[in-house]
PDB file of all heavy atoms in Angstrom:
ATOM      1  N   ILE A   1       1.203   7.210  -2.481  1.00  0.00           N
ATOM      2  CA  ILE A   1       0.728   7.131  -1.094  1.00  0.00           C
ATOM      3  C   ILE A   1       1.406   5.974  -0.368  1.00  0.00           C
ATOM      4  O   ILE A   1       1.852   6.116   0.783  1.00  0.00           O
ATOM      5  CB  ILE A   1      -0.813   6.995  -1.061  1.00  0.00           C
ATOM      6  CG1 ILE A   1      -1.474   8.299  -1.530  1.00  0.00           C
ATOM      7  CG2 ILE A   1      -1.291   6.622   0.346  1.00  0.00           C
ATOM      8  CD1 ILE A   1      -2.960   8.164  -1.843  1.00  0.00           C
ATOM      9  N   LEU A   2       1.514   4.825  -1.016  1.00  0.00           N
ATOM     10  CA  LEU A   2       2.123   3.658  -0.376  1.00  0.00           C
ATOM     11  C   LEU A   2       3.628   3.834  -0.162  1.00  0.00           C
ATOM     12  O   LEU A   2       4.159   3.382   0.856  1.00  0.00           O
ATOM     13  CB  LEU A   2       1.822   2.394  -1.167  1.00  0.00           C
ATOM     14  CG  LEU A   2       0.369   1.931  -1.068  1.00  0.00           C
ATOM     15  CD1 LEU A   2       0.094   0.834  -2.080  1.00  0.00           C
ATOM     16  CD2 LEU A   2       0.039   1.469   0.342  1.00  0.00           C
ATOM     17  N   VAL A   3       4.313   4.485  -1.078  1.00  0.00           N
ATOM     18  CA  VAL A   3       5.737   4.787  -0.863  1.00  0.00           C
ATOM     19  C   VAL A   3       5.881   5.657   0.388  1.00  0.00           C
ATOM     20  O   VAL A   3       6.757   5.415   1.228  1.00  0.00           O
ATOM     21  CB  VAL A   3       6.353   5.485  -2.097  1.00  0.00           C
ATOM     22  CG1 VAL A   3       7.727   6.065  -1.783  1.00  0.00           C
ATOM     23  CG2 VAL A   3       6.440   4.526  -3.278  1.00  0.00           C
ATOM     24  N   THR A   4       4.999   6.625   0.519  1.00  0.00           N
ATOM     25  CA  THR A   4       5.025   7.522   1.680  1.00  0.00           C
ATOM     26  C   THR A   4       4.717   6.760   2.958  1.00  0.00           C
ATOM     27  O   THR A   4       5.442   6.875   3.955  1.00  0.00           O
ATOM     28  CB  THR A   4       4.039   8.679   1.466  1.00  0.00           C
ATOM     29  OG1 THR A   4       4.345   9.331   0.223  1.00  0.00           O
ATOM     30  CG2 THR A   4       4.107   9.686   2.601  1.00  0.00           C
ATOM     31  N   GLY A   5       3.653   5.982   2.951  1.00  0.00           N
ATOM     32  CA  GLY A   5       3.285   5.203   4.128  1.00  0.00           C
ATOM     33  C   GLY A   5       4.363   4.211   4.520  1.00  0.00           C
ATOM     34  O   GLY A   5       4.642   4.009   5.712  1.00  0.00           O
ATOM     35  N   ALA A   6       5.005   3.582   3.533  1.00  0.00           N
ATOM     36  CA  ALA A   6       6.075   2.624   3.817  1.00  0.00           C
ATOM     37  C   ALA A   6       7.278   3.324   4.437  1.00  0.00           C
ATOM     38  O   ALA A   6       7.899   2.805   5.370  1.00  0.00           O
ATOM     39  CB  ALA A   6       6.479   1.889   2.536  1.00  0.00           C
ATOM     40  N   HIS A   7       7.591   4.507   3.926  1.00  0.00           N
ATOM     41  CA  HIS A   7       8.711   5.265   4.486  1.00  0.00           C
ATOM     42  C   HIS A   7       8.496   5.537   5.976  1.00  0.00           C
ATOM     43  O   HIS A   7       9.413   5.400   6.785  1.00  0.00           O
ATOM     44  CB  HIS A   7       8.902   6.578   3.728  1.00  0.00           C
ATOM     45  CG  HIS A   7       9.929   7.472   4.350  1.00  0.00           C
ATOM     46  ND1 HIS A   7      11.273   7.272   4.169  1.00  0.00           N
ATOM     47  CD2 HIS A   7       9.796   8.544   5.173  1.00  0.00           C
ATOM     48  CE1 HIS A   7      11.938   8.193   4.848  1.00  0.00           C
ATOM     49  NE2 HIS A   7      11.067   8.980   5.458  1.00  0.00           N
ATOM     50  N   PHE A   8       7.281   5.934   6.320  1.00  0.00           N
ATOM     51  CA  PHE A   8       6.962   6.264   7.716  1.00  0.00           C
ATOM     52  C   PHE A   8       6.552   5.033   8.530  1.00  0.00           C
ATOM     53  O   PHE A   8       6.311   5.150   9.726  1.00  0.00           O
ATOM     54  CB  PHE A   8       5.852   7.316   7.769  1.00  0.00           C
ATOM     55  CG  PHE A   8       6.321   8.690   7.423  1.00  0.00           C
ATOM     56  CD1 PHE A   8       6.141   9.196   6.142  1.00  0.00           C
ATOM     57  CD2 PHE A   8       6.946   9.482   8.359  1.00  0.00           C
ATOM     58  CE1 PHE A   8       6.578  10.465   5.814  1.00  0.00           C
ATOM     59  CE2 PHE A   8       7.389  10.754   8.052  1.00  0.00           C
ATOM     60  CZ  PHE A   8       7.210  11.244   6.767  1.00  0.00           C
ATOM     61  N   ARG A   9       6.417   3.877   7.872  1.00  0.00           N
ATOM     62  CA  ARG A   9       5.938   2.651   8.525  1.00  0.00           C
ATOM     63  C   ARG A   9       4.634   2.950   9.285  1.00  0.00           C
ATOM     64  O   ARG A   9       4.477   2.609  10.455  1.00  0.00           O
ATOM     65  CB  ARG A   9       7.017   2.053   9.428  1.00  0.00           C
ATOM     66  CG  ARG A   9       8.209   1.562   8.642  1.00  0.00           C
ATOM     67  CD  ARG A   9       9.277   0.879   9.465  1.00  0.00           C
ATOM     68  NE  ARG A   9       9.799   1.645  10.577  1.00  0.00           N
ATOM     69  CZ  ARG A   9      10.731   2.583  10.505  1.00  0.00           C
ATOM     70  NH1 ARG A   9      11.269   2.868   9.338  1.00  0.00           N
ATOM     71  NH2 ARG A   9      11.156   3.210  11.571  1.00  0.00           N
ATOM     72  N   SER A  10       3.717   3.570   8.580  1.00  0.00           N
ATOM     73  CA  SER A  10       2.432   3.990   9.137  1.00  0.00           C
ATOM     74  C   SER A  10       1.397   2.885   8.905  1.00  0.00           C
ATOM     75  O   SER A  10       0.880   2.728   7.793  1.00  0.00           O
ATOM     76  CB  SER A  10       1.995   5.296   8.474  1.00  0.00           C
ATOM     77  OG  SER A  10       0.768   5.714   8.987  1.00  0.00           O
ATOM     78  N   ALA A  11       1.118   2.132   9.945  1.00  0.00           N
ATOM     79  CA  ALA A  11       0.304   0.912   9.830  1.00  0.00           C
ATOM     80  C   ALA A  11      -1.086   1.173   9.251  1.00  0.00           C
ATOM     81  O   ALA A  11      -1.515   0.482   8.327  1.00  0.00           O
ATOM     82  CB  ALA A  11       0.197   0.217  11.188  1.00  0.00           C
ATOM     83  N   TYR A  12      -1.807   2.160   9.793  1.00  0.00           N
ATOM     84  CA  TYR A  12      -3.174   2.403   9.316  1.00  0.00           C
ATOM     85  C   TYR A  12      -3.158   2.863   7.857  1.00  0.00           C
ATOM     86  O   TYR A  12      -3.984   2.444   7.057  1.00  0.00           O
ATOM     87  CB  TYR A  12      -3.904   3.415  10.206  1.00  0.00           C
ATOM     88  CG  TYR A  12      -5.358   3.596   9.814  1.00  0.00           C
ATOM     89  CD1 TYR A  12      -6.358   2.851  10.419  1.00  0.00           C
ATOM     90  CD2 TYR A  12      -5.731   4.493   8.815  1.00  0.00           C
ATOM     91  CE1 TYR A  12      -7.687   2.990  10.057  1.00  0.00           C
ATOM     92  CE2 TYR A  12      -7.059   4.645   8.440  1.00  0.00           C
ATOM     93  CZ  TYR A  12      -8.028   3.894   9.064  1.00  0.00           C
ATOM     94  OH  TYR A  12      -9.344   4.034   8.698  1.00  0.00           O
ATOM     95  N   GLU A  13      -2.224   3.727   7.511  1.00  0.00           N
ATOM     96  CA  GLU A  13      -2.155   4.209   6.133  1.00  0.00           C
ATOM     97  C   GLU A  13      -1.888   3.055   5.174  1.00  0.00           C
ATOM     98  O   GLU A  13      -2.516   2.946   4.115  1.00  0.00           O
ATOM     99  CB  GLU A  13      -1.075   5.285   5.986  1.00  0.00           C
ATOM    100  CG  GLU A  13      -1.010   5.844   4.582  1.00  0.00           C
ATOM    101  CD  GLU A  13      -0.030   6.973   4.438  1.00  0.00           C
ATOM    102  OE1 GLU A  13       0.243   7.688   5.416  1.00  0.00           O
ATOM    103  OE2 GLU A  13       0.470   7.134   3.323  1.00  0.00           O
ATOM    104  N   LEU A  14      -0.954   2.187   5.530  1.00  0.00           N
ATOM    105  CA  LEU A  14      -0.650   1.046   4.677  1.00  0.00           C
ATOM    106  C   LEU A  14      -1.836   0.092   4.593  1.00  0.00           C
ATOM    107  O   LEU A  14      -2.180  -0.385   3.506  1.00  0.00           O
ATOM    108  CB  LEU A  14       0.603   0.320   5.176  1.00  0.00           C
ATOM    109  CG  LEU A  14       1.896   1.118   5.016  1.00  0.00           C
ATOM    110  CD1 LEU A  14       3.041   0.425   5.737  1.00  0.00           C
ATOM    111  CD2 LEU A  14       2.222   1.355   3.550  1.00  0.00           C
ATOM    112  N   TYR A  15      -2.480  -0.163   5.725  1.00  0.00           N
ATOM    113  CA  TYR A  15      -3.680  -1.013   5.738  1.00  0.00           C
ATOM    114  C   TYR A  15      -4.722  -0.470   4.753  1.00  0.00           C
ATOM    115  O   TYR A  15      -5.222  -1.192   3.883  1.00  0.00           O
ATOM    116  CB  TYR A  15      -4.255  -1.076   7.163  1.00  0.00           C
ATOM    117  CG  TYR A  15      -5.748  -1.194   7.226  1.00  0.00           C
ATOM    118  CD1 TYR A  15      -6.389  -2.400   6.944  1.00  0.00           C
ATOM    119  CD2 TYR A  15      -6.537  -0.089   7.537  1.00  0.00           C
ATOM    120  CE1 TYR A  15      -7.773  -2.498   6.974  1.00  0.00           C
ATOM    121  CE2 TYR A  15      -7.914  -0.181   7.581  1.00  0.00           C
ATOM    122  CZ  TYR A  15      -8.525  -1.380   7.286  1.00  0.00           C
ATOM    123  OH  TYR A  15      -9.896  -1.466   7.306  1.00  0.00           O
ATOM    124  N   ALA A  16      -5.047   0.804   4.892  1.00  0.00           N
ATOM    125  CA  ALA A  16      -6.108   1.407   4.080  1.00  0.00           C
ATOM    126  C   ALA A  16      -5.741   1.428   2.601  1.00  0.00           C
ATOM    127  O   ALA A  16      -6.543   1.046   1.743  1.00  0.00           O
ATOM    128  CB  ALA A  16      -6.398   2.823   4.581  1.00  0.00           C
ATOM    129  N   HIS A  17      -4.533   1.858   2.301  1.00  0.00           N
ATOM    130  CA  HIS A  17      -4.195   2.082   0.894  1.00  0.00           C
ATOM    131  C   HIS A  17      -3.755   0.824   0.159  1.00  0.00           C
ATOM    132  O   HIS A  17      -3.823   0.795  -1.075  1.00  0.00           O
ATOM    133  CB  HIS A  17      -3.230   3.262   0.770  1.00  0.00           C
ATOM    134  CG  HIS A  17      -3.965   4.543   0.963  1.00  0.00           C
ATOM    135  ND1 HIS A  17      -4.687   5.134  -0.044  1.00  0.00           N
ATOM    136  CD2 HIS A  17      -4.166   5.294   2.070  1.00  0.00           C
ATOM    137  CE1 HIS A  17      -5.284   6.218   0.423  1.00  0.00           C
ATOM    138  NE2 HIS A  17      -4.992   6.329   1.709  1.00  0.00           N
ATOM    139  N   VAL A  18      -3.366  -0.220   0.868  1.00  0.00           N
ATOM    140  CA  VAL A  18      -3.179  -1.500   0.188  1.00  0.00           C
ATOM    141  C   VAL A  18      -4.538  -1.991  -0.306  1.00  0.00           C
ATOM    142  O   VAL A  18      -4.667  -2.431  -1.457  1.00  0.00           O
ATOM    143  CB  VAL A  18      -2.486  -2.541   1.104  1.00  0.00           C
ATOM    144  CG1 VAL A  18      -2.683  -3.955   0.575  1.00  0.00           C
ATOM    145  CG2 VAL A  18      -1.001  -2.222   1.222  1.00  0.00           C
ATOM    146  N   LEU A  19      -5.560  -1.875   0.540  1.00  0.00           N
ATOM    147  CA  LEU A  19      -6.906  -2.298   0.125  1.00  0.00           C
ATOM    148  C   LEU A  19      -7.403  -1.466  -1.065  1.00  0.00           C
ATOM    149  O   LEU A  19      -7.958  -2.004  -2.027  1.00  0.00           O
ATOM    150  CB  LEU A  19      -7.882  -2.187   1.296  1.00  0.00           C
ATOM    151  CG  LEU A  19      -7.658  -3.182   2.435  1.00  0.00           C
ATOM    152  CD1 LEU A  19      -8.579  -2.871   3.611  1.00  0.00           C
ATOM    153  CD2 LEU A  19      -7.865  -4.608   1.952  1.00  0.00           C
ATOM    154  N   VAL A  20      -7.197  -0.156  -0.998  1.00  0.00           N
ATOM    155  CA  VAL A  20      -7.623   0.723  -2.095  1.00  0.00           C
ATOM    156  C   VAL A  20      -6.833   0.396  -3.368  1.00  0.00           C
ATOM    157  O   VAL A  20      -7.406   0.308  -4.461  1.00  0.00           O
ATOM    158  CB  VAL A  20      -7.468   2.210  -1.698  1.00  0.00           C
ATOM    159  CG1 VAL A  20      -7.712   3.125  -2.892  1.00  0.00           C
ATOM    160  CG2 VAL A  20      -8.418   2.561  -0.551  1.00  0.00           C
ATOM    161  N   ALA A  21      -5.532   0.212  -3.232  1.00  0.00           N
ATOM    162  CA  ALA A  21      -4.688  -0.083  -4.403  1.00  0.00           C
ATOM    163  C   ALA A  21      -5.074  -1.408  -5.058  1.00  0.00           C
ATOM    164  O   ALA A  21      -5.037  -1.522  -6.290  1.00  0.00           O
ATOM    165  CB  ALA A  21      -3.218  -0.094  -3.989  1.00  0.00           C
ATOM    166  N   GLU A  22      -5.458  -2.391  -4.258  1.00  0.00           N
ATOM    167  CA  GLU A  22      -5.932  -3.662  -4.829  1.00  0.00           C
ATOM    168  C   GLU A  22      -7.166  -3.431  -5.683  1.00  0.00           C
ATOM    169  O   GLU A  22      -7.291  -3.975  -6.781  1.00  0.00           O
ATOM    170  CB  GLU A  22      -6.253  -4.660  -3.712  1.00  0.00           C
ATOM    171  CG  GLU A  22      -5.031  -5.248  -3.049  1.00  0.00           C
ATOM    172  CD  GLU A  22      -5.370  -6.148  -1.870  1.00  0.00           C
ATOM    173  OE1 GLU A  22      -6.456  -6.014  -1.271  1.00  0.00           O
ATOM    174  OE2 GLU A  22      -4.521  -6.985  -1.545  1.00  0.00           O
ATOM    175  N   GLN A  23      -8.074  -2.582  -5.200  1.00  0.00           N
ATOM    176  CA  GLN A  23      -9.287  -2.266  -5.954  1.00  0.00           C
ATOM    177  C   GLN A  23      -8.958  -1.522  -7.243  1.00  0.00           C
ATOM    178  O   GLN A  23      -9.732  -1.548  -8.185  1.00  0.00           O
ATOM    179  CB  GLN A  23     -10.235  -1.410  -5.116  1.00  0.00           C
ATOM    180  CG  GLN A  23     -10.776  -2.107  -3.889  1.00  0.00           C
ATOM    181  CD  GLN A  23     -11.456  -1.134  -2.939  1.00  0.00           C
ATOM    182  OE1 GLN A  23     -11.677   0.019  -3.254  1.00  0.00           O
ATOM    183  NE2 GLN A  23     -11.758  -1.619  -1.750  1.00  0.00           N
ATOM    184  N   ARG A  24      -7.830  -0.855  -7.276  1.00  0.00           N
ATOM    185  CA  ARG A  24      -7.437  -0.062  -8.441  1.00  0.00           C
ATOM    186  C   ARG A  24      -6.505  -0.835  -9.364  1.00  0.00           C
ATOM    187  O   ARG A  24      -5.873  -0.254 -10.241  1.00  0.00           O
ATOM    188  CB  ARG A  24      -6.834   1.246  -7.976  1.00  0.00           C
ATOM    189  CG  ARG A  24      -7.899   2.008  -7.172  1.00  0.00           C
ATOM    190  CD  ARG A  24      -7.699   3.459  -7.094  1.00  0.00           C
ATOM    191  NE  ARG A  24      -8.917   4.078  -6.556  1.00  0.00           N
ATOM    192  CZ  ARG A  24      -8.931   5.022  -5.651  1.00  0.00           C
ATOM    193  NH1 ARG A  24      -7.798   5.484  -5.165  1.00  0.00           N
ATOM    194  NH2 ARG A  24     -10.061   5.547  -5.246  1.00  0.00           N
ATOM    195  N   GLY A  25      -6.391  -2.144  -9.116  1.00  0.00           N
ATOM    196  CA  GLY A  25      -5.704  -3.001 -10.061  1.00  0.00           C
ATOM    197  C   GLY A  25      -4.235  -3.276  -9.806  1.00  0.00           C
ATOM    198  O   GLY A  25      -3.590  -3.935 -10.632  1.00  0.00           O
ATOM    199  N   LEU A  26      -3.666  -2.819  -8.727  1.00  0.00           N
ATOM    200  CA  LEU A  26      -2.258  -3.104  -8.443  1.00  0.00           C
ATOM    201  C   LEU A  26      -2.134  -4.528  -7.890  1.00  0.00           C
ATOM    202  O   LEU A  26      -2.916  -4.937  -7.033  1.00  0.00           O
ATOM    203  CB  LEU A  26      -1.691  -2.086  -7.458  1.00  0.00           C
ATOM    204  CG  LEU A  26      -1.559  -0.664  -8.029  1.00  0.00           C
ATOM    205  CD1 LEU A  26      -1.363   0.348  -6.930  1.00  0.00           C
ATOM    206  CD2 LEU A  26      -0.418  -0.589  -9.025  1.00  0.00           C
ATOM    207  N   SER A  27      -1.161  -5.266  -8.376  1.00  0.00           N
ATOM    208  CA  SER A  27      -0.996  -6.670  -7.982  1.00  0.00           C
ATOM    209  C   SER A  27      -0.482  -6.786  -6.549  1.00  0.00           C
ATOM    210  O   SER A  27       0.182  -5.877  -6.028  1.00  0.00           O
ATOM    211  CB  SER A  27      -0.025  -7.368  -8.925  1.00  0.00           C
ATOM    212  OG  SER A  27       1.302  -6.912  -8.690  1.00  0.00           O
ATOM    213  N   ASP A  28      -0.770  -7.932  -5.951  1.00  0.00           N
ATOM    214  CA  ASP A  28      -0.293  -8.192  -4.592  1.00  0.00           C
ATOM    215  C   ASP A  28       1.228  -8.166  -4.526  1.00  0.00           C
ATOM    216  O   ASP A  28       1.803  -7.651  -3.559  1.00  0.00           O
ATOM    217  CB  ASP A  28      -0.815  -9.541  -4.084  1.00  0.00           C
ATOM    218  CG  ASP A  28      -2.302  -9.519  -3.765  1.00  0.00           C
ATOM    219  OD1 ASP A  28      -2.890  -8.422  -3.666  1.00  0.00           O
ATOM    220  OD2 ASP A  28      -2.892 -10.610  -3.608  1.00  0.00           O
ATOM    221  N   ASP A  29       1.897  -8.699  -5.530  1.00  0.00           N
ATOM    222  CA  ASP A  29       3.365  -8.700  -5.541  1.00  0.00           C
ATOM    223  C   ASP A  29       3.915  -7.276  -5.581  1.00  0.00           C
ATOM    224  O   ASP A  29       4.857  -6.942  -4.862  1.00  0.00           O
ATOM    225  CB  ASP A  29       3.910  -9.488  -6.738  1.00  0.00           C
ATOM    226  CG  ASP A  29       3.752 -10.988  -6.584  1.00  0.00           C
ATOM    227  OD1 ASP A  29       3.492 -11.457  -5.449  1.00  0.00           O
ATOM    228  OD2 ASP A  29       3.882 -11.694  -7.605  1.00  0.00           O
ATOM    229  N   LYS A  30       3.305  -6.449  -6.418  1.00  0.00           N
ATOM    230  CA  LYS A  30       3.734  -5.058  -6.528  1.00  0.00           C
ATOM    231  C   LYS A  30       3.520  -4.344  -5.194  1.00  0.00           C
ATOM    232  O   LYS A  30       4.411  -3.631  -4.707  1.00  0.00           O
ATOM    233  CB  LYS A  30       2.937  -4.376  -7.647  1.00  0.00           C
ATOM    234  CG  LYS A  30       3.524  -3.091  -8.148  1.00  0.00           C
ATOM    235  CD  LYS A  30       2.693  -2.506  -9.289  1.00  0.00           C
ATOM    236  CE  LYS A  30       2.916  -3.231 -10.590  1.00  0.00           C
ATOM    237  NZ  LYS A  30       2.294  -2.550 -11.746  1.00  0.00           N
ATOM    238  N   LEU A  31       2.372  -4.568  -4.595  1.00  0.00           N
ATOM    239  CA  LEU A  31       2.058  -3.914  -3.320  1.00  0.00           C
ATOM    240  C   LEU A  31       2.991  -4.380  -2.212  1.00  0.00           C
ATOM    241  O   LEU A  31       3.486  -3.566  -1.422  1.00  0.00           O
ATOM    242  CB  LEU A  31       0.600  -4.168  -2.943  1.00  0.00           C
ATOM    243  CG  LEU A  31      -0.424  -3.533  -3.882  1.00  0.00           C
ATOM    244  CD1 LEU A  31      -1.828  -3.988  -3.524  1.00  0.00           C
ATOM    245  CD2 LEU A  31      -0.316  -2.020  -3.849  1.00  0.00           C
ATOM    246  N   ALA A  32       3.239  -5.665  -2.135  1.00  0.00           N
ATOM    247  CA  ALA A  32       4.127  -6.201  -1.099  1.00  0.00           C
ATOM    248  C   ALA A  32       5.533  -5.620  -1.225  1.00  0.00           C
ATOM    249  O   ALA A  32       6.175  -5.302  -0.220  1.00  0.00           O
ATOM    250  CB  ALA A  32       4.170  -7.724  -1.181  1.00  0.00           C
ATOM    251  N   THR A  33       5.986  -5.461  -2.447  1.00  0.00           N
ATOM    252  CA  THR A  33       7.320  -4.907  -2.673  1.00  0.00           C
ATOM    253  C   THR A  33       7.382  -3.444  -2.231  1.00  0.00           C
ATOM    254  O   THR A  33       8.330  -3.031  -1.550  1.00  0.00           O
ATOM    255  CB  THR A  33       7.716  -5.056  -4.158  1.00  0.00           C
ATOM    256  OG1 THR A  33       7.629  -6.442  -4.507  1.00  0.00           O
ATOM    257  CG2 THR A  33       9.118  -4.553  -4.419  1.00  0.00           C
ATOM    258  N   ILE A  34       6.370  -2.659  -2.579  1.00  0.00           N
ATOM    259  CA  ILE A  34       6.338  -1.246  -2.176  1.00  0.00           C
ATOM    260  C   ILE A  34       6.263  -1.129  -0.660  1.00  0.00           C
ATOM    261  O   ILE A  34       7.002  -0.347  -0.050  1.00  0.00           O
ATOM    262  CB  ILE A  34       5.168  -0.501  -2.849  1.00  0.00           C
ATOM    263  CG1 ILE A  34       5.370  -0.421  -4.356  1.00  0.00           C
ATOM    264  CG2 ILE A  34       5.011   0.909  -2.257  1.00  0.00           C
ATOM    265  CD1 ILE A  34       4.163   0.070  -5.134  1.00  0.00           C
TER     266      ILE A  34
END
């Protein structure tokens, strides 16, 4: 989902799924890179 949102530079999608991904254990560094 984040690869897709980053490709489209979709602000709301990235906002929502960064928060969800953090809850699912993905590190901040990993998320920032994606």
